Amino acid sequence: MPRHKFTVLNKGVLVAAAGILAFAAGAGLMATANAAEPQDAKAPVPKLVVGTVFAPVSTAPWAQAVTYNPELVPAGSRVQVKEELRRNGGTRIELRVRDLGADRVYGAHVHTKPCGKLPTDAGPHYQDQLDPTQPSVDPAFANPNNEVWLDLTTNKDGSARSIATLDWRFRDGGARSVVIHEMATHTHAGHAGTAGSRLACVNVPFM
């Protein structure tokens, strides 16, 4: 069967290592990054890409991505997450999905912990400025400028794409997954940042 791959590009030297076993033909993980920050405008921008399929939750924690609701996020549906470190010190995150439920809205956010057998294993949303009150539902902290919101609206084929552009970067080891939720993200006080049940999760080793 095909295997996930993790590759690191360091000053032109390519290092590859076998990763986690894929759960559908053609699935895979690929992550690429430059070891150092760009020194000038011509230097490559550090990027990371994870592409895989959602596997049954019984395969956690070995699967790269798992679904907790196969009706809305079917096993075998595809997901891709791209991270790009911008030269101005910010971050660009792109989320793509395929073969999800058609013509519906999904919430999606970056979370602090890896995916697990339980939807709650991924922990809370990553926040640039931490809300001292948890769970965070205060719009002053639970907002798309302080968190990474990647809500999606699928087409008739269940495909969608979203992008979040941020003025900051993740703390080392602070962000470890993207979670897809059942509805659009709320913004009002007392519910800010919530988006219903956690439907699926993909592990991403954010830089």
Protein backbone atom coordinates (compact mmCIF):
# COMPACT_ATOMS: atom_id res chain seq x y z
CA MET A 1 0.00 0.00 0.00
CA PRO A 2 1.15 3.58 -0.47
CA ARG A 3 2.78 5.27 2.48
CA HIS A 4 2.65 8.78 3.81
CA LYS A 5 5.86 10.73 3.35
CA PHE A 6 7.51 13.51 5.28
CA THR A 7 10.21 15.44 3.45
CA VAL A 8 12.38 18.31 4.61
CA LEU A 9 14.36 20.51 2.24
CA ASN A 10 17.50 21.87 3.91
CA LYS A 11 19.89 23.91 1.74
CA GLY A 12 19.19 21.75 -1.28
CA VAL A 13 19.57 18.41 0.49
CA LEU A 14 16.43 16.31 0.32
CA VAL A 15 15.79 13.96 3.21
CA ALA A 16 12.85 11.54 3.02
CA ALA A 17 11.48 9.12 5.59
CA ALA A 18 8.61 6.64 5.58
CA GLY A 19 5.55 7.79 7.48
CA ILE A 20 2.18 6.52 8.59
CA LEU A 21 0.45 3.87 6.47
CA ALA A 22 -2.24 5.37 4.20
CA PHE A 23 -5.80 4.08 4.42
CA ALA A 24 -6.87 4.46 0.78
CA ALA A 25 -5.09 4.08 -2.53
CA GLY A 26 -3.48 7.28 -3.64
CA ALA A 27 -3.58 8.88 -0.18
CA GLY A 28 -0.47 10.39 1.31
CA LEU A 29 1.15 12.96 3.56
CA MET A 30 3.76 15.33 2.29
CA ALA A 31 5.30 18.12 4.29
CA THR A 32 8.07 20.36 3.01
CA ALA A 33 9.82 23.21 4.77
CA ASN A 34 12.99 25.24 4.56
CA ALA A 35 15.07 24.98 7.70
CA ALA A 36 15.85 28.69 7.94
CA GLU A 37 13.92 31.92 7.50
CA PRO A 38 14.32 33.59 4.08
CA GLN A 39 17.23 36.03 4.13
CA ASP A 40 16.06 38.11 1.18
CA ALA A 41 13.18 38.58 -1.24
CA LYS A 42 14.57 35.92 -3.58
CA ALA A 43 14.85 33.21 -0.94
CA PRO A 44 12.10 30.54 -0.94
CA VAL A 45 9.22 30.98 1.49
CA PRO A 46 8.92 28.09 4.01
CA LYS A 47 5.88 25.94 3.19
CA LEU A 48 4.27 22.82 4.56
CA VAL A 49 1.64 20.66 2.83
CA VAL A 50 -0.37 17.78 4.29
CA GLY A 51 -2.65 15.81 1.97
CA THR A 52 -4.50 12.65 3.00
CA VAL A 53 -7.90 10.97 3.31
CA PHE A 54 -10.18 10.69 6.33
CA ALA A 55 -10.03 7.23 7.88
CA PRO A 56 -12.42 5.56 10.34
CA VAL A 57 -11.96 6.69 13.92
CA SER A 58 -10.95 3.15 14.88
CA THR A 59 -7.61 3.83 13.16
CA ALA A 60 -6.70 6.67 15.55
CA PRO A 61 -4.03 7.55 16.63
CA TRP A 62 -2.17 6.02 13.65
CA ALA A 63 -4.23 7.66 10.90
CA GLN A 64 -3.23 11.10 9.62
CA ALA A 65 -6.91 12.13 9.56
CA VAL A 66 -10.04 10.61 11.12
CA THR A 67 -13.78 11.12 10.77
CA TYR A 68 -16.13 11.08 13.75
CA ASN A 69 -19.24 11.45 11.54
CA PRO A 70 -18.99 9.36 8.35
CA GLU A 71 -22.33 10.70 7.10
CA LEU A 72 -21.06 14.30 6.86
CA VAL A 73 -17.34 13.51 6.43
CA PRO A 74 -17.18 10.09 4.73
CA ALA A 75 -14.22 7.79 5.20
CA GLY A 76 -12.12 8.16 2.07
CA SER A 77 -13.00 11.83 1.53
CA ARG A 78 -9.94 13.98 0.93
CA VAL A 79 -8.35 16.85 2.81
CA GLN A 80 -5.32 19.06 2.20
CA VAL A 81 -3.81 21.70 4.47
CA LYS A 82 -1.12 24.14 3.34
CA GLU A 83 0.90 26.44 5.61
CA GLU A 84 3.08 29.23 4.26
CA LEU A 85 5.29 31.46 6.42
CA ARG A 86 5.11 34.93 4.91
CA ARG A 87 8.14 37.23 4.70
CA ASN A 88 6.37 39.89 6.75
CA GLY A 89 6.19 37.55 9.74
CA GLY A 90 2.64 36.37 9.12
CA THR A 91 1.15 33.02 8.16
CA ARG A 92 -1.16 31.84 5.38
CA ILE A 93 -3.23 28.68 5.89
CA GLU A 94 -5.24 27.02 3.13
CA LEU A 95 -7.74 24.19 3.63
CA ARG A 96 -9.16 22.07 0.78
CA VAL A 97 -11.68 19.24 1.04
CA ARG A 98 -13.27 16.87 -1.43
CA ASP A 99 -16.18 14.40 -1.29
CA LEU A 100 -17.77 15.85 1.86
CA GLY A 101 -21.51 16.50 2.15
CA ALA A 102 -22.77 18.55 -0.81
CA ASP A 103 -23.99 22.15 -0.61
CA ARG A 104 -23.46 22.73 3.09
CA VAL A 105 -21.40 24.88 5.44
CA TYR A 106 -18.72 23.41 7.69
CA GLY A 107 -16.81 25.21 10.42
CA ALA A 108 -13.07 24.56 10.63
CA HIS A 109 -10.32 25.72 12.97
CA VAL A 110 -6.71 25.03 13.93
CA HIS A 111 -6.51 23.20 17.28
CA THR A 112 -3.72 22.79 19.81
CA LYS A 113 -3.41 19.00 20.08
CA PRO A 114 -3.26 15.99 17.72
CA CYS A 115 -6.36 14.07 16.66
CA GLY A 116 -7.45 11.12 18.75
CA LYS A 117 -10.23 8.57 19.14
CA LEU A 118 -12.40 11.20 20.85
CA PRO A 119 -13.35 14.48 19.15
CA THR A 120 -12.20 16.39 22.25
CA ASP A 121 -8.66 14.95 22.03
CA ALA A 122 -7.62 17.77 19.68
CA GLY A 123 -7.98 20.28 22.51
CA PRO A 124 -9.14 23.90 22.15
CA HIS A 125 -8.63 26.33 19.29
CA TYR A 126 -5.14 27.71 18.89
CA GLN A 127 -5.08 31.38 20.01
CA ASP A 128 -2.34 33.91 19.41
CA GLN A 129 -3.36 35.76 22.58
CA LEU A 130 -4.66 33.24 25.10
CA ASP A 131 -8.02 33.85 26.71
CA PRO A 132 -7.54 33.50 30.50
CA THR A 133 -11.05 32.04 30.68
CA GLN A 134 -11.49 28.61 29.13
CA PRO A 135 -13.38 27.41 27.18
CA SER A 136 -12.98 30.63 25.24
CA VAL A 137 -16.27 32.13 23.97
CA ASP A 138 -15.37 35.81 24.34
CA PRO A 139 -15.29 37.60 20.94
CA ALA A 140 -12.27 39.57 22.17
CA PHE A 141 -10.27 36.31 21.98
CA ALA A 142 -12.45 33.92 19.94
CA ASN A 143 -12.28 35.72 16.60
CA PRO A 144 -10.67 35.11 13.17
CA ASN A 145 -7.81 37.52 13.89
CA ASN A 146 -6.72 35.73 17.07
CA GLU A 147 -7.59 32.19 15.98
CA VAL A 148 -7.44 30.35 12.64
CA TRP A 149 -10.95 30.09 11.17
CA LEU A 150 -11.27 28.10 7.94
CA ASP A 151 -15.03 27.71 7.43
CA LEU A 152 -16.04 26.00 4.18
CA THR A 153 -19.08 25.95 1.90
CA THR A 154 -19.09 22.84 -0.28
CA ASN A 155 -20.39 22.64 -3.84
CA LYS A 156 -22.55 19.89 -5.37
CA ASP A 157 -19.50 17.60 -5.44
CA GLY A 158 -18.68 18.15 -1.77
CA SER A 159 -15.55 20.16 -2.59
CA ALA A 160 -14.50 23.45 -0.99
CA ARG A 161 -11.51 25.68 -0.28
CA SER A 162 -10.82 28.32 2.36
CA ILE A 163 -7.88 30.55 3.28
CA ALA A 164 -6.86 32.34 6.48
CA THR A 165 -4.17 35.04 6.37
CA LEU A 166 -2.71 35.98 9.75
CA ASP A 167 -0.34 38.66 11.05
CA TRP A 168 1.38 36.21 13.41
CA ARG A 169 3.01 32.77 13.53
CA PHE A 170 2.34 29.73 15.66
CA ARG A 171 4.26 29.13 18.86
CA ASP A 172 6.60 26.15 18.56
CA GLY A 173 4.54 22.99 19.04
CA GLY A 174 1.42 24.99 19.85
CA ALA A 175 -0.73 24.01 16.84
CA ARG A 176 -1.16 20.37 15.85
CA SER A 177 -4.41 19.78 13.95
CA VAL A 178 -7.35 21.13 11.96
CA VAL A 179 -10.84 20.16 13.11
CA ILE A 180 -13.93 20.28 10.89
CA HIS A 181 -17.23 21.16 12.60
CA GLU A 182 -20.89 20.70 11.70
CA MET A 183 -21.85 24.36 11.18
CA ALA A 184 -20.53 27.86 10.53
CA THR A 185 -18.53 29.47 13.34
CA HIS A 186 -20.52 31.69 15.70
CA THR A 187 -19.31 35.20 16.51
CA HIS A 188 -21.60 36.44 19.31
CA ALA A 189 -20.65 36.67 22.99
CA GLY A 190 -21.06 33.47 24.95
CA HIS A 191 -20.82 31.34 21.79
CA ALA A 192 -17.97 32.98 19.85
CA GLY A 193 -15.76 30.43 18.15
CA THR A 194 -18.19 27.54 18.55
CA ALA A 195 -19.38 25.66 15.46
CA GLY A 196 -21.28 22.64 16.72
CA SER A 197 -20.03 19.08 16.92
CA ARG A 198 -16.54 18.05 15.81
CA LEU A 199 -16.98 15.94 12.69
CA ALA A 200 -13.41 15.15 11.66
CA CYS A 201 -9.77 15.96 12.39
CA VAL A 202 -6.50 16.03 10.45
CA ASN A 203 -3.05 16.07 12.06
CA VAL A 204 -0.82 18.90 10.81
CA PRO A 205 2.72 19.52 12.20
CA PHE A 206 2.45 23.30 11.87
CA MET A 207 5.76 25.18 11.73
